[in-house]
C-alpha atoms as a PDB file:
ATOM      1  CA  MET A   1      22.101 -29.988  -5.223  1.00  0.00           C
ATOM      2  CA  THR A   2      21.339 -29.832  -8.953  1.00  0.00           C
ATOM      3  CA  THR A   3      19.807 -33.321  -8.910  1.00  0.00           C
ATOM      4  CA  TYR A   4      17.720 -32.441  -5.877  1.00  0.00           C
ATOM      5  CA  LEU A   5      16.405 -29.262  -7.522  1.00  0.00           C
ATOM      6  CA  PHE A   6      15.545 -31.178 -10.682  1.00  0.00           C
ATOM      7  CA  GLN A   7      13.628 -33.790  -8.686  1.00  0.00           C
ATOM      8  CA  ARG A   8      11.725 -31.092  -6.791  1.00  0.00           C
ATOM      9  CA  LEU A   9      10.787 -29.368 -10.039  1.00  0.00           C
ATOM     10  CA  LEU A  10       9.534 -32.673 -11.434  1.00  0.00           C
ATOM     11  CA  TRP A  11       7.397 -33.213  -8.325  1.00  0.00           C
ATOM     12  CA  MET A  12       5.784 -29.836  -8.974  1.00  0.00           C
ATOM     13  CA  ILE A  13       3.951 -31.249 -12.003  1.00  0.00           C
ATOM     14  CA  PRO A  14       1.702 -33.779 -10.177  1.00  0.00           C
ATOM     15  CA  VAL A  15       1.199 -31.365  -7.274  1.00  0.00           C
ATOM     16  CA  LEU A  16       0.034 -28.562  -9.557  1.00  0.00           C
ATOM     17  CA  LEU A  17      -2.130 -30.978 -11.562  1.00  0.00           C
ATOM     18  CA  GLY A  18      -3.770 -32.188  -8.353  1.00  0.00           C
ATOM     19  CA  VAL A  19      -4.422 -28.634  -7.150  1.00  0.00           C
ATOM     20  CA  VAL A  20      -5.867 -27.613 -10.512  1.00  0.00           C
ATOM     21  CA  THR A  21      -8.126 -30.684 -10.650  1.00  0.00           C
ATOM     22  CA  ILE A  22      -9.432 -30.412  -7.091  1.00  0.00           C
ATOM     23  CA  THR A  23     -10.045 -26.669  -7.393  1.00  0.00           C
ATOM     24  CA  PHE A  24     -11.814 -27.053 -10.745  1.00  0.00           C
ATOM     25  CA  PHE A  25     -14.304 -29.670  -9.582  1.00  0.00           C
ATOM     26  CA  LEU A  26     -14.855 -28.287  -6.067  1.00  0.00           C
ATOM     27  CA  SER A  27     -15.712 -24.838  -7.410  1.00  0.00           C
ATOM     28  CA  ARG A  28     -18.308 -26.359  -9.733  1.00  0.00           C
ATOM     29  CA  LEU A  29     -19.814 -28.568  -7.046  1.00  0.00           C
ATOM     30  CA  ALA A  30     -20.839 -25.472  -5.090  1.00  0.00           C
ATOM     31  CA  PRO A  31     -24.522 -24.558  -5.465  1.00  0.00           C
ATOM     32  CA  GLY A  32     -25.389 -21.869  -7.983  1.00  0.00           C
ATOM     33  CA  CYS A  33     -24.285 -21.068 -11.509  1.00  0.00           C
ATOM     34  CA  PRO A  34     -22.276 -18.081 -12.740  1.00  0.00           C
ATOM     35  CA  ALA A  35     -24.881 -17.568 -15.448  1.00  0.00           C
ATOM     36  CA  ASP A  36     -27.450 -16.578 -12.800  1.00  0.00           C
ATOM     37  CA  ALA A  37     -25.100 -14.010 -11.273  1.00  0.00           C
ATOM     38  CA  MET A  38     -24.151 -12.560 -14.659  1.00  0.00           C
ATOM     39  CA  ALA A  39     -27.722 -12.428 -15.948  1.00  0.00           C
ATOM     40  CA  GLY A  40     -29.215 -10.807 -12.862  1.00  0.00           C
ATOM     41  CA  GLN A  41     -32.401 -11.541 -10.944  1.00  0.00           C
ATOM     42  CA  ARG A  42     -34.786 -10.184 -13.592  1.00  0.00           C
ATOM     43  CA  ALA A  43     -33.307 -12.061 -16.547  1.00  0.00           C
ATOM     44  CA  SER A  44     -35.422 -14.603 -18.376  1.00  0.00           C
ATOM     45  CA  GLU A  45     -34.592 -18.266 -18.699  1.00  0.00           C
ATOM     46  CA  GLU A  46     -33.719 -17.731 -22.359  1.00  0.00           C
ATOM     47  CA  GLN A  47     -31.124 -15.119 -21.441  1.00  0.00           C
ATOM     48  CA  ARG A  48     -29.605 -17.417 -18.830  1.00  0.00           C
ATOM     49  CA  GLN A  49     -29.448 -20.238 -21.361  1.00  0.00           C
ATOM     50  CA  LEU A  50     -27.651 -18.019 -23.852  1.00  0.00           C
ATOM     51  CA  ILE A  51     -25.033 -17.177 -21.213  1.00  0.00           C
ATOM     52  CA  ARG A  52     -24.601 -20.864 -20.364  1.00  0.00           C
ATOM     53  CA  GLU A  53     -24.006 -21.686 -24.022  1.00  0.00           C
ATOM     54  CA  ARG A  54     -21.642 -18.750 -24.503  1.00  0.00           C
ATOM     55  CA  TYR A  55     -19.384 -19.732 -21.592  1.00  0.00           C
ATOM     56  CA  GLY A  56     -19.777 -23.492 -22.004  1.00  0.00           C
ATOM     57  CA  PHE A  57     -21.677 -24.133 -18.775  1.00  0.00           C
ATOM     58  CA  ASP A  58     -24.049 -26.443 -20.643  1.00  0.00           C
ATOM     59  CA  GLN A  59     -21.219 -28.817 -21.572  1.00  0.00           C
ATOM     60  CA  PRO A  60     -20.268 -31.872 -19.485  1.00  0.00           C
ATOM     61  CA  LEU A  61     -17.751 -31.263 -16.719  1.00  0.00           C
ATOM     62  CA  HIS A  62     -15.068 -33.447 -18.300  1.00  0.00           C
ATOM     63  CA  VAL A  63     -15.287 -31.409 -21.503  1.00  0.00           C
ATOM     64  CA  GLN A  64     -14.958 -28.142 -19.551  1.00  0.00           C
ATOM     65  CA  TYR A  65     -12.029 -29.620 -17.605  1.00  0.00           C
ATOM     66  CA  GLY A  66     -10.241 -30.709 -20.771  1.00  0.00           C
ATOM     67  CA  LYS A  67     -10.591 -27.240 -22.308  1.00  0.00           C
ATOM     68  CA  TYR A  68      -9.338 -25.631 -19.121  1.00  0.00           C
ATOM     69  CA  LEU A  69      -6.239 -27.862 -19.011  1.00  0.00           C
ATOM     70  CA  TRP A  70      -5.515 -27.146 -22.680  1.00  0.00           C
ATOM     71  CA  ASN A  71      -5.723 -23.414 -22.037  1.00  0.00           C
ATOM     72  CA  LEU A  72      -3.401 -23.773 -19.024  1.00  0.00           C
ATOM     73  CA  LEU A  73      -0.815 -25.571 -21.146  1.00  0.00           C
ATOM     74  CA  ARG A  74      -0.895 -22.582 -23.482  1.00  0.00           C
ATOM     75  CA  GLY A  75      -0.403 -20.196 -20.532  1.00  0.00           C
ATOM     76  CA  ASP A  76      -3.984 -18.915 -20.598  1.00  0.00           C
ATOM     77  CA  LEU A  77      -5.627 -18.608 -17.171  1.00  0.00           C
ATOM     78  CA  GLY A  78      -8.926 -17.505 -18.690  1.00  0.00           C
ATOM     79  CA  ILE A  79     -11.096 -14.402 -18.589  1.00  0.00           C
ATOM     80  CA  SER A  80     -12.843 -13.228 -15.426  1.00  0.00           C
ATOM     81  CA  TYR A  81     -16.636 -13.543 -15.661  1.00  0.00           C
ATOM     82  CA  ASP A  82     -17.150 -10.454 -13.551  1.00  0.00           C
ATOM     83  CA  SER A  83     -14.662  -7.893 -14.900  1.00  0.00           C
ATOM     84  CA  HIS A  84     -14.157  -9.500 -18.353  1.00  0.00           C
ATOM     85  CA  ARG A  85     -10.398  -9.079 -17.958  1.00  0.00           C
ATOM     86  CA  PRO A  86      -7.649 -11.721 -18.222  1.00  0.00           C
ATOM     87  CA  VAL A  87      -7.065 -13.485 -14.920  1.00  0.00           C
ATOM     88  CA  ALA A  88      -3.301 -13.106 -15.267  1.00  0.00           C
ATOM     89  CA  GLU A  89      -3.756  -9.347 -15.580  1.00  0.00           C
ATOM     90  CA  ILE A  90      -5.895  -9.208 -12.421  1.00  0.00           C
ATOM     91  CA  ILE A  91      -3.339 -11.249 -10.455  1.00  0.00           C
ATOM     92  CA  ALA A  92      -0.501  -9.023 -11.663  1.00  0.00           C
ATOM     93  CA  GLU A  93      -2.491  -5.950 -10.601  1.00  0.00           C
ATOM     94  CA  LYS A  94      -3.601  -7.120  -7.156  1.00  0.00           C
ATOM     95  CA  PHE A  95      -0.625  -9.194  -6.004  1.00  0.00           C
ATOM     96  CA  PRO A  96       1.744  -6.228  -5.372  1.00  0.00           C
ATOM     97  CA  TYR A  97      -0.671  -4.957  -2.692  1.00  0.00           C
ATOM     98  CA  THR A  98      -0.651  -8.359  -0.992  1.00  0.00           C
ATOM     99  CA  ALA A  99       3.136  -8.620  -1.329  1.00  0.00           C
ATOM    100  CA  LYS A 100       3.593  -5.176   0.235  1.00  0.00           C
ATOM    101  CA  LEU A 101       1.462  -6.164   3.220  1.00  0.00           C
ATOM    102  CA  ALA A 102       3.129  -9.584   3.528  1.00  0.00           C
ATOM    103  CA  VAL A 103       6.684  -8.206   3.491  1.00  0.00           C
ATOM    104  CA  SER A 104       5.799  -5.527   6.047  1.00  0.00           C
ATOM    105  CA  ALA A 105       4.116  -8.022   8.374  1.00  0.00           C
ATOM    106  CA  MET A 106       7.055 -10.423   8.068  1.00  0.00           C
ATOM    107  CA  ILE A 107       9.591  -7.704   8.889  1.00  0.00           C
ATOM    108  CA  VAL A 108       7.608  -6.805  12.015  1.00  0.00           C
ATOM    109  CA  ALA A 109       7.298 -10.472  12.979  1.00  0.00           C
ATOM    110  CA  VAL A 110      10.987 -11.307  12.522  1.00  0.00           C
ATOM    111  CA  LEU A 111      12.296  -8.234  14.335  1.00  0.00           C
ATOM    112  CA  LEU A 112       9.979  -8.534  17.327  1.00  0.00           C
ATOM    113  CA  GLY A 113       9.584 -12.324  17.475  1.00  0.00           C
ATOM    114  CA  VAL A 114      13.246 -13.287  17.173  1.00  0.00           C
ATOM    115  CA  SER A 115      14.318 -10.511  19.568  1.00  0.00           C
ATOM    116  CA  ALA A 116      11.767 -11.595  22.173  1.00  0.00           C
ATOM    117  CA  GLY A 117      12.846 -15.225  21.798  1.00  0.00           C
ATOM    118  CA  LEU A 118      16.512 -14.374  22.235  1.00  0.00           C
ATOM    119  CA  ILE A 119      15.851 -12.270  25.339  1.00  0.00           C
ATOM    120  CA  SER A 120      13.724 -15.044  26.827  1.00  0.00           C
ATOM    121  CA  ALA A 121      16.376 -17.676  26.160  1.00  0.00           C
ATOM    122  CA  LEU A 122      19.164 -15.566  27.655  1.00  0.00           C
ATOM    123  CA  THR A 123      17.147 -14.807  30.808  1.00  0.00           C
ATOM    124  CA  PRO A 124      15.221 -18.049  31.426  1.00  0.00           C
ATOM    125  CA  ASN A 125      12.481 -17.845  34.052  1.00  0.00           C
ATOM    126  CA  GLY A 126      13.159 -14.157  34.545  1.00  0.00           C
ATOM    127  CA  TRP A 127      10.599 -11.391  34.334  1.00  0.00           C
ATOM    128  CA  ALA A 128      11.503 -10.676  30.697  1.00  0.00           C
ATOM    129  CA  ASP A 129      11.087 -14.344  29.819  1.00  0.00           C
ATOM    130  CA  ARG A 130       7.740 -14.651  31.569  1.00  0.00           C
ATOM    131  CA  THR A 131       6.434 -11.411  30.060  1.00  0.00           C
ATOM    132  CA  ALA A 132       7.467 -12.416  26.536  1.00  0.00           C
ATOM    133  CA  MET A 133       5.890 -15.859  26.857  1.00  0.00           C
ATOM    134  CA  VAL A 134       2.616 -14.421  28.211  1.00  0.00           C
ATOM    135  CA  PHE A 135       2.366 -12.043  25.277  1.00  0.00           C
ATOM    136  CA  SER A 136       3.296 -14.889  22.927  1.00  0.00           C
ATOM    137  CA  LEU A 137       0.460 -17.007  24.291  1.00  0.00           C
ATOM    138  CA  LEU A 138      -1.948 -14.101  23.852  1.00  0.00           C
ATOM    139  CA  GLY A 139      -0.712 -13.532  20.309  1.00  0.00           C
ATOM    140  CA  ILE A 140      -1.220 -17.166  19.336  1.00  0.00           C
ATOM    141  CA  SER A 141      -4.709 -17.231  20.880  1.00  0.00           C
ATOM    142  CA  THR A 142      -5.983 -13.952  19.402  1.00  0.00           C
ATOM    143  CA  PRO A 143      -7.869 -14.193  16.078  1.00  0.00           C
ATOM    144  CA  VAL A 144      -6.543 -11.841  13.411  1.00  0.00           C
ATOM    145  CA  PHE A 145      -9.910 -10.266  12.639  1.00  0.00           C
ATOM    146  CA  TRP A 146     -10.611  -9.527  16.328  1.00  0.00           C
ATOM    147  CA  LEU A 147      -7.162  -8.015  16.854  1.00  0.00           C
ATOM    148  CA  GLY A 148      -7.670  -5.919  13.728  1.00  0.00           C
ATOM    149  CA  LEU A 149     -10.950  -4.554  15.055  1.00  0.00           C
ATOM    150  CA  LEU A 150      -9.330  -3.755  18.426  1.00  0.00           C
ATOM    151  CA  LEU A 151      -6.491  -1.891  16.740  1.00  0.00           C
ATOM    152  CA  MET A 152      -8.941   0.052  14.603  1.00  0.00           C
ATOM    153  CA  TYR A 153     -11.020   1.009  17.642  1.00  0.00           C
ATOM    154  CA  PHE A 154      -8.257   2.042  20.052  1.00  0.00           C
ATOM    155  CA  VAL A 155      -5.513   3.314  17.750  1.00  0.00           C
ATOM    156  CA  SER A 156      -7.691   4.893  15.062  1.00  0.00           C
ATOM    157  CA  MET A 157     -11.021   5.795  16.653  1.00  0.00           C
ATOM    158  CA  ARG A 158     -10.014   6.624  20.230  1.00  0.00           C
ATOM    159  CA  LEU A 159      -6.431   7.860  19.884  1.00  0.00           C
ATOM    160  CA  GLN A 160      -6.743   8.966  16.238  1.00  0.00           C
ATOM    161  CA  TRP A 161      -3.116   8.166  15.518  1.00  0.00           C
ATOM    162  CA  LEU A 162      -3.568   6.226  12.269  1.00  0.00           C
ATOM    163  CA  PRO A 163      -6.275   5.812   9.608  1.00  0.00           C
ATOM    164  CA  PRO A 164      -8.586   2.875  10.397  1.00  0.00           C
ATOM    165  CA  SER A 165      -8.582   1.146   7.012  1.00  0.00           C
ATOM    166  CA  GLY A 166      -8.094   1.480   3.296  1.00  0.00           C
ATOM    167  CA  TYR A 167      -5.021   1.926   1.139  1.00  0.00           C
ATOM    168  CA  GLY A 168      -5.170   5.692   0.695  1.00  0.00           C
ATOM    169  CA  ASP A 169      -2.103   7.014  -1.078  1.00  0.00           C
ATOM    170  CA  GLY A 170      -0.087   3.929  -0.146  1.00  0.00           C
ATOM    171  CA  GLY A 171       1.725   5.695   2.676  1.00  0.00           C
ATOM    172  CA  LEU A 172       3.174   4.061   5.763  1.00  0.00           C
ATOM    173  CA  GLN A 173       0.316   5.268   7.978  1.00  0.00           C
ATOM    174  CA  TYR A 174      -2.115   2.983   6.097  1.00  0.00           C
ATOM    175  CA  LEU A 175       0.206  -0.014   6.364  1.00  0.00           C
ATOM    176  CA  ILE A 176       1.075  -0.103  10.071  1.00  0.00           C
ATOM    177  CA  LEU A 177      -2.185  -1.447  11.514  1.00  0.00           C
ATOM    178  CA  PRO A 178      -2.774  -4.284   8.993  1.00  0.00           C
ATOM    179  CA  ALA A 179       0.912  -5.273   9.156  1.00  0.00           C
ATOM    180  CA  VAL A 180       0.845  -5.471  12.959  1.00  0.00           C
ATOM    181  CA  ALA A 181      -2.460  -7.367  12.981  1.00  0.00           C
ATOM    182  CA  LEU A 182      -1.223  -9.829  10.364  1.00  0.00           C
ATOM    183  CA  GLY A 183       2.202 -10.373  11.910  1.00  0.00           C
ATOM    184  CA  THR A 184       1.114 -10.811  15.543  1.00  0.00           C
ATOM    185  CA  GLN A 185       0.690 -14.580  15.419  1.00  0.00           C
ATOM    186  CA  SER A 186       4.025 -14.956  13.639  1.00  0.00           C
ATOM    187  CA  ILE A 187       5.650 -12.843  16.360  1.00  0.00           C
ATOM    188  CA  ALA A 188       4.301 -15.254  18.954  1.00  0.00           C
ATOM    189  CA  PHE A 189       5.351 -18.413  17.103  1.00  0.00           C
ATOM    190  CA  LEU A 190       8.809 -17.049  16.300  1.00  0.00           C
ATOM    191  CA  ALA A 191       9.369 -15.980  19.903  1.00  0.00           C
ATOM    192  CA  ARG A 192       8.494 -19.401  21.281  1.00  0.00           C
ATOM    193  CA  MET A 193      10.435 -21.274  18.585  1.00  0.00           C
ATOM    194  CA  THR A 194      13.526 -19.067  18.989  1.00  0.00           C
ATOM    195  CA  ARG A 195      13.435 -19.493  22.756  1.00  0.00           C
ATOM    196  CA  ALA A 196      13.101 -23.281  22.563  1.00  0.00           C
ATOM    197  CA  SER A 197      15.852 -23.650  19.957  1.00  0.00           C
ATOM    198  CA  MET A 198      18.249 -21.368  21.806  1.00  0.00           C
ATOM    199  CA  LEU A 199      17.712 -23.112  25.151  1.00  0.00           C
ATOM    200  CA  GLU A 200      18.489 -26.423  23.486  1.00  0.00           C
ATOM    201  CA  VAL A 201      21.699 -25.078  21.955  1.00  0.00           C
ATOM    202  CA  LEU A 202      23.025 -22.994  24.868  1.00  0.00           C
ATOM    203  CA  ASN A 203      24.023 -26.082  26.869  1.00  0.00           C
ATOM    204  CA  GLU A 204      26.055 -27.702  24.070  1.00  0.00           C
ATOM    205  CA  GLU A 205      29.715 -28.417  24.667  1.00  0.00           C
ATOM    206  CA  TYR A 206      30.994 -26.474  21.665  1.00  0.00           C
ATOM    207  CA  LEU A 207      29.748 -23.261  23.316  1.00  0.00           C
ATOM    208  CA  ARG A 208      31.836 -24.021  26.397  1.00  0.00           C
ATOM    209  CA  THR A 209      34.790 -24.625  24.093  1.00  0.00           C
ATOM    210  CA  ALA A 210      34.212 -21.283  22.339  1.00  0.00           C
ATOM    211  CA  ARG A 211      34.109 -19.484  25.701  1.00  0.00           C
ATOM    212  CA  ALA A 212      37.255 -21.294  26.840  1.00  0.00           C
ATOM    213  CA  LYS A 213      39.051 -20.082  23.716  1.00  0.00           C
ATOM    214  CA  GLY A 214      38.264 -16.500  24.676  1.00  0.00           C
ATOM    215  CA  ALA A 215      35.274 -15.754  22.422  1.00  0.00           C
ATOM    216  CA  GLY A 216      33.182 -12.854  23.682  1.00  0.00           C
ATOM    217  CA  PRO A 217      29.564 -13.347  24.801  1.00  0.00           C
ATOM    218  CA  VAL A 218      28.133 -11.595  21.730  1.00  0.00           C
ATOM    219  CA  ARG A 219      30.191 -13.728  19.361  1.00  0.00           C
ATOM    220  CA  VAL A 220      29.217 -16.897  21.214  1.00  0.00           C
ATOM    221  CA  ILE A 221      25.513 -16.036  21.066  1.00  0.00           C
ATOM    222  CA  VAL A 222      25.369 -14.775  17.482  1.00  0.00           C
ATOM    223  CA  LYS A 223      27.910 -16.871  15.602  1.00  0.00           C
ATOM    224  CA  HIS A 224      27.778 -20.157  17.499  1.00  0.00           C
ATOM    225  CA  ALA A 225      24.458 -20.456  19.335  1.00  0.00           C
ATOM    226  CA  PHE A 226      21.980 -18.623  17.107  1.00  0.00           C
ATOM    227  CA  ALA A 227      23.557 -19.930  13.895  1.00  0.00           C
ATOM    228  CA  ASN A 228      22.839 -23.490  15.038  1.00  0.00           C
ATOM    229  CA  ALA A 229      19.355 -22.693  16.392  1.00  0.00           C
ATOM    230  CA  VAL A 230      18.114 -20.827  13.334  1.00  0.00           C
ATOM    231  CA  ILE A 231      16.931 -23.824  11.231  1.00  0.00           C
ATOM    232  CA  PRO A 232      13.464 -24.231  12.850  1.00  0.00           C
ATOM    233  CA  VAL A 233      13.106 -20.443  12.969  1.00  0.00           C
ATOM    234  CA  VAL A 234      13.704 -20.226   9.214  1.00  0.00           C
ATOM    235  CA  THR A 235      11.059 -22.931   8.703  1.00  0.00           C
ATOM    236  CA  ILE A 236       8.447 -20.879  10.563  1.00  0.00           C
ATOM    237  CA  ILE A 237       9.418 -17.731   8.661  1.00  0.00           C
ATOM    238  CA  GLY A 238       9.129 -19.506   5.315  1.00  0.00           C
ATOM    239  CA  LEU A 239       5.741 -21.063   6.017  1.00  0.00           C
ATOM    240  CA  ASP A 240       4.250 -17.872   7.437  1.00  0.00           C
ATOM    241  CA  PHE A 241       5.618 -15.730   4.619  1.00  0.00           C
ATOM    242  CA  ALA A 242       4.170 -18.110   2.033  1.00  0.00           C
ATOM    243  CA  SER A 243       0.766 -17.941   3.748  1.00  0.00           C
ATOM    244  CA  TYR A 244       0.938 -14.134   3.802  1.00  0.00           C
ATOM    245  CA  LEU A 245       1.822 -13.988   0.109  1.00  0.00           C
ATOM    246  CA  SER A 246      -1.048 -16.376  -0.585  1.00  0.00           C
ATOM    247  CA  GLY A 247      -3.573 -13.732   0.335  1.00  0.00           C
ATOM    248  CA  SER A 248      -4.190 -12.632   3.894  1.00  0.00           C
ATOM    249  CA  VAL A 249      -7.933 -12.834   3.450  1.00  0.00           C
ATOM    250  CA  LEU A 250      -9.116 -11.824   6.928  1.00  0.00           C
ATOM    251  CA  THR A 251      -6.666  -8.954   7.302  1.00  0.00           C
ATOM    252  CA  GLU A 252      -7.362  -7.598   3.835  1.00  0.00           C
ATOM    253  CA  LYS A 253     -11.101  -7.875   4.427  1.00  0.00           C
ATOM    254  CA  VAL A 254     -11.061  -6.150   7.841  1.00  0.00           C
ATOM    255  CA  PHE A 255      -8.794  -3.306   6.732  1.00  0.00           C
ATOM    256  CA  SER A 256     -10.276  -2.983   3.214  1.00  0.00           C
ATOM    257  CA  TRP A 257      -6.858  -3.679   1.750  1.00  0.00           C
ATOM    258  CA  PRO A 258      -7.041  -4.058  -2.067  1.00  0.00           C
ATOM    259  CA  GLY A 259      -5.024  -7.270  -2.185  1.00  0.00           C
ATOM    260  CA  LEU A 260      -5.430 -10.562  -3.989  1.00  0.00           C
ATOM    261  CA  GLY A 261      -6.934 -12.406  -1.009  1.00  0.00           C
ATOM    262  CA  ARG A 262      -9.805  -9.937  -0.679  1.00  0.00           C
ATOM    263  CA  HIS A 263     -10.371 -10.092  -4.429  1.00  0.00           C
ATOM    264  CA  MET A 264     -10.540 -13.878  -4.283  1.00  0.00           C
ATOM    265  CA  VAL A 265     -13.312 -13.746  -1.659  1.00  0.00           C
ATOM    266  CA  ILE A 266     -15.320 -11.582  -4.050  1.00  0.00           C
ATOM    267  CA  ALA A 267     -14.637 -14.060  -6.859  1.00  0.00           C
ATOM    268  CA  ILE A 268     -15.904 -16.975  -4.754  1.00  0.00           C
ATOM    269  CA  SER A 269     -19.127 -15.134  -3.887  1.00  0.00           C
ATOM    270  CA  GLN A 270     -19.723 -14.409  -7.584  1.00  0.00           C
ATOM    271  CA  ARG A 271     -18.801 -17.905  -8.833  1.00  0.00           C
ATOM    272  CA  ASP A 272     -16.001 -16.443 -10.959  1.00  0.00           C
ATOM    273  CA  TYR A 273     -14.448 -19.819 -11.829  1.00  0.00           C
ATOM    274  CA  PRO A 274     -11.466 -18.622 -13.930  1.00  0.00           C
ATOM    275  CA  LEU A 275     -10.371 -16.143 -11.276  1.00  0.00           C
ATOM    276  CA  ILE A 276     -10.797 -18.709  -8.472  1.00  0.00           C
ATOM    277  CA  ASN A 277      -8.830 -21.395 -10.313  1.00  0.00           C
ATOM    278  CA  GLY A 278      -6.112 -19.019 -11.463  1.00  0.00           C
ATOM    279  CA  THR A 279      -5.640 -17.486  -8.028  1.00  0.00           C
ATOM    280  CA  VAL A 280      -5.438 -20.865  -6.264  1.00  0.00           C
ATOM    281  CA  LEU A 281      -2.898 -22.063  -8.831  1.00  0.00           C
ATOM    282  CA  PHE A 282      -0.853 -18.914  -8.272  1.00  0.00           C
ATOM    283  CA  PHE A 283      -0.976 -19.408  -4.489  1.00  0.00           C
ATOM    284  CA  CYS A 284       0.172 -23.014  -4.916  1.00  0.00           C
ATOM    285  CA  LEU A 285       3.174 -21.864  -6.966  1.00  0.00           C
ATOM    286  CA  ILE A 286       4.074 -19.417  -4.194  1.00  0.00           C
ATOM    287  CA  PHE A 287       4.010 -22.149  -1.529  1.00  0.00           C
ATOM    288  CA  ILE A 288       6.112 -24.500  -3.636  1.00  0.00           C
ATOM    289  CA  GLY A 289       8.612 -21.755  -4.452  1.00  0.00           C
ATOM    290  CA  ILE A 290       8.986 -20.591  -0.833  1.00  0.00           C
ATOM    291  CA  ASN A 291       9.400 -24.171   0.424  1.00  0.00           C
ATOM    292  CA  LEU A 292      12.084 -24.804  -2.181  1.00  0.00           C
ATOM    293  CA  ILE A 293      13.948 -21.638  -1.162  1.00  0.00           C
ATOM    294  CA  VAL A 294      13.770 -22.667   2.514  1.00  0.00           C
ATOM    295  CA  ASP A 295      15.183 -26.114   1.696  1.00  0.00           C
ATOM    296  CA  ILE A 296      18.076 -24.514  -0.170  1.00  0.00           C
ATOM    297  CA  LEU A 297      18.723 -22.163   2.752  1.00  0.00           C
ATOM    298  CA  TYR A 298      19.086 -25.163   5.070  1.00  0.00           C
ATOM    299  CA  ALA A 299      22.226 -26.265   3.232  1.00  0.00           C
ATOM    300  CA  TYR A 300      23.780 -22.804   3.529  1.00  0.00           C
ATOM    301  CA  LEU A 301      22.851 -22.298   7.172  1.00  0.00           C
ATOM    302  CA  ASP A 302      24.025 -25.758   8.262  1.00  0.00           C
ATOM    303  CA  PRO A 303      26.920 -27.256   6.251  1.00  0.00           C
ATOM    304  CA  ARG A 304      26.057 -30.695   7.628  1.00  0.00           C
ATOM    305  CA  ILE A 305      22.879 -30.760   5.527  1.00  0.00           C
ATOM    306  CA  ARG A 306      23.451 -32.181   2.063  1.00  0.00           C
ATOM    307  CA  TYR A 307      21.032 -33.080  -0.722  1.00  0.00           C
ATOM    308  CA  ASP A 308      23.542 -34.993  -2.866  1.00  0.00           C
ATOM    309  CA  SER A 309      21.939 -38.358  -2.121  1.00  0.00           C
END
């Protein structure tokens, strides 16, 4: 396991370098210059030129790239052009909001999705199975932004049960709607994946052996069947959770949630290169970290999986 972890950490270096390089050059290939946004519409050409010289926009791209890499090696993500604050400080300020939404949405998705999948697998072709699969299909097919607008209209505007958007005082009433909207597709995927995995496992011979030895139905389902069907479910949970932590842009935008994804959209519209590059790099680290944790979990969930070789 130690060798495997060391190899994975080594592979992080070229992956992160590739992400940094692609993000750096793609952001600068987009039309427009940050100097125009910072100077304003009424600024003269001389003022724009002074801004370009101050921030190094007049230098060749390879020179700007070299300086950016050198700053990254020193742990400096740069200063935001818009707020004039360190990018690391902005990420540290905004990420807890995104993490709070991501954890809440994942809890909703796991509780509802796995439960629906288990019920469907235990009652195949029954009314519960058909109902769960219909709702799963609807959940997969429904765009997040459209579902968010529907929830805001019916739950907030018509029924007036919950506030429509915003963060407010950070209470639970502001979190329910965005968490449900964000987690709906994960509920659907988890339900279908849990059902498929459980149906594949329920006909295995070791379950018949466990029943013959006198194991109760709950023990057979939980300890023997679900424990062997959980690997693909954990994969879906890990990937979805990483995507949620990487900024749920549409959900945060629709519900005016002050998270990192919404802040990144603003940075892209304002050509805030340091904030764009720093945020993408941070998101990449999250994906790599979550994938590594999921791989380690495989070995604990299934003793047959080994990374020694």
